[in-house]
Amino acid sequence: MQQIQLRVPKAIHTLVRDEQDRLLRSALRVAARQRARELAAEQREASANIRRYERKYGMSLAEFEHEKLPGLDSVQAHEDYNDWFFWTRVLDRAGKTADVLKKMETVK
């Protein structure tokens, strides 16, 4: 396990080392659960937006990039592509972060 430096209130600093560790680990688990809930909401929003573009164009983003992107001539299609690409990255990032947070649940 890696160590980090953290500024804490004096009251926490005066606790014995074992109590400091126990308190900070507990706080990190609570924060990780909260962040996991936030990430789940981000994933739902991103997935809904991605599905909207997949329905609109009848294909995945990868297919769109390969088949349609080179010949795009409308501003709306470019804007859709930018949004679609953005939501795909949001979903990917949120998923990776959620995976790391899930691993934290097993760390004691």
Protein backbone atom coordinates (compact mmCIF):
# COMPACT_ATOMS: atom_id res chain seq x y z
CA MET A 1 0.00 0.00 0.00
CA GLN A 2 1.33 3.43 -0.88
CA GLN A 3 1.54 6.28 1.58
CA ILE A 4 0.43 9.86 1.05
CA GLN A 5 0.83 12.93 3.15
CA LEU A 6 -2.36 14.51 4.33
CA ARG A 7 -3.07 17.59 6.40
CA VAL A 8 -5.54 16.78 9.13
CA PRO A 9 -7.08 18.73 11.99
CA LYS A 10 -5.05 18.76 15.16
CA ALA A 11 -7.61 16.59 16.95
CA ILE A 12 -6.95 13.75 14.51
CA HIS A 13 -3.22 14.29 14.72
CA THR A 14 -3.33 13.78 18.50
CA LEU A 15 -4.91 10.32 18.16
CA VAL A 16 -2.67 7.29 18.37
CA ARG A 17 -1.40 6.07 15.02
CA ASP A 18 -3.72 3.04 14.85
CA GLU A 19 -6.77 5.24 15.46
CA GLN A 20 -5.60 7.73 12.82
CA ASP A 21 -5.25 4.93 10.28
CA ARG A 22 -8.60 3.39 11.18
CA LEU A 23 -10.40 6.74 10.95
CA LEU A 24 -8.80 7.76 7.65
CA ARG A 25 -9.42 4.37 6.02
CA SER A 26 -13.03 4.50 7.11
CA ALA A 27 -13.39 8.01 5.68
CA LEU A 28 -11.85 6.90 2.39
CA ARG A 29 -14.27 3.98 2.13
CA VAL A 30 -17.24 6.31 2.72
CA ALA A 31 -15.90 8.78 0.15
CA ALA A 32 -15.27 5.95 -2.33
CA ARG A 33 -18.86 4.68 -1.96
CA GLN A 34 -20.20 8.18 -2.54
CA ARG A 35 -18.00 8.67 -5.58
CA ALA A 36 -19.08 5.25 -6.90
CA ARG A 37 -22.72 6.42 -6.73
CA GLU A 38 -21.80 9.60 -8.61
CA LEU A 39 -19.94 7.58 -11.24
CA ALA A 40 -22.92 5.25 -11.68
CA ALA A 41 -25.08 8.30 -12.42
CA GLU A 42 -22.47 9.56 -14.91
CA GLN A 43 -22.43 6.15 -16.58
CA ARG A 44 -26.23 6.10 -16.90
CA GLU A 45 -26.23 9.58 -18.43
CA ALA A 46 -23.40 8.75 -20.82
CA SER A 47 -25.01 5.47 -21.87
CA ALA A 48 -28.32 7.21 -22.57
CA ASN A 49 -26.60 9.80 -24.75
CA ILE A 50 -24.57 7.17 -26.60
CA ARG A 51 -27.71 5.12 -27.28
CA ARG A 52 -29.41 8.25 -28.63
CA TYR A 53 -26.64 8.74 -31.22
CA GLU A 54 -26.54 5.03 -32.06
CA ARG A 55 -30.28 5.12 -32.76
CA LYS A 56 -30.00 8.36 -34.73
CA TYR A 57 -27.25 7.07 -37.03
CA GLY A 58 -28.01 3.33 -36.83
CA MET A 59 -24.45 2.36 -35.95
CA SER A 60 -21.77 2.43 -33.26
CA LEU A 61 -19.32 5.29 -32.87
CA ALA A 62 -16.52 3.15 -34.35
CA GLU A 63 -18.63 2.42 -37.42
CA PHE A 64 -19.60 6.08 -37.69
CA GLU A 65 -15.95 7.14 -37.56
CA HIS A 66 -15.02 4.62 -40.24
CA GLU A 67 -17.99 4.95 -42.57
CA LYS A 68 -19.47 8.42 -42.15
CA LEU A 69 -16.94 10.77 -40.58
CA PRO A 70 -14.66 11.19 -43.61
CA GLY A 71 -17.57 12.43 -45.75
CA LEU A 72 -19.41 14.61 -43.24
CA ASP A 73 -20.55 17.91 -44.64
CA SER A 74 -23.09 19.13 -42.10
CA VAL A 75 -22.40 21.15 -38.99
CA GLN A 76 -25.00 19.15 -37.05
CA ALA A 77 -23.32 15.83 -37.85
CA HIS A 78 -19.97 17.23 -36.68
CA GLU A 79 -21.55 18.48 -33.47
CA ASP A 80 -23.21 15.11 -32.95
CA TYR A 81 -19.87 13.38 -33.48
CA ASN A 82 -18.15 15.63 -30.94
CA ASP A 83 -20.88 15.00 -28.36
CA TRP A 84 -20.94 11.26 -29.10
CA PHE A 85 -17.16 11.07 -28.75
CA PHE A 86 -17.35 13.06 -25.47
CA TRP A 87 -20.00 10.78 -23.94
CA THR A 88 -18.02 7.71 -24.98
CA ARG A 89 -14.97 9.07 -23.13
CA VAL A 90 -17.10 9.93 -20.08
CA LEU A 91 -18.42 6.35 -20.00
CA ASP A 92 -14.92 4.91 -20.37
CA ARG A 93 -13.37 7.13 -17.68
CA ALA A 94 -16.23 6.56 -15.24
CA GLY A 95 -16.00 2.81 -15.77
CA LYS A 96 -12.27 2.70 -15.13
CA THR A 97 -12.59 4.84 -12.01
CA ALA A 98 -15.50 2.73 -10.73
CA ASP A 99 -13.39 -0.42 -11.20
CA VAL A 100 -10.62 1.06 -9.05
CA LEU A 101 -13.12 2.05 -6.35
CA LYS A 102 -14.59 -1.47 -6.33
CA LYS A 103 -11.12 -2.84 -5.63
CA MET A 104 -10.89 -0.48 -2.63
CA GLU A 105 -13.86 -2.25 -1.03
CA THR A 106 -11.72 -5.33 -0.50
CA VAL A 107 -8.77 -3.44 1.03
CA LYS A 108 -8.76 -3.39 4.81
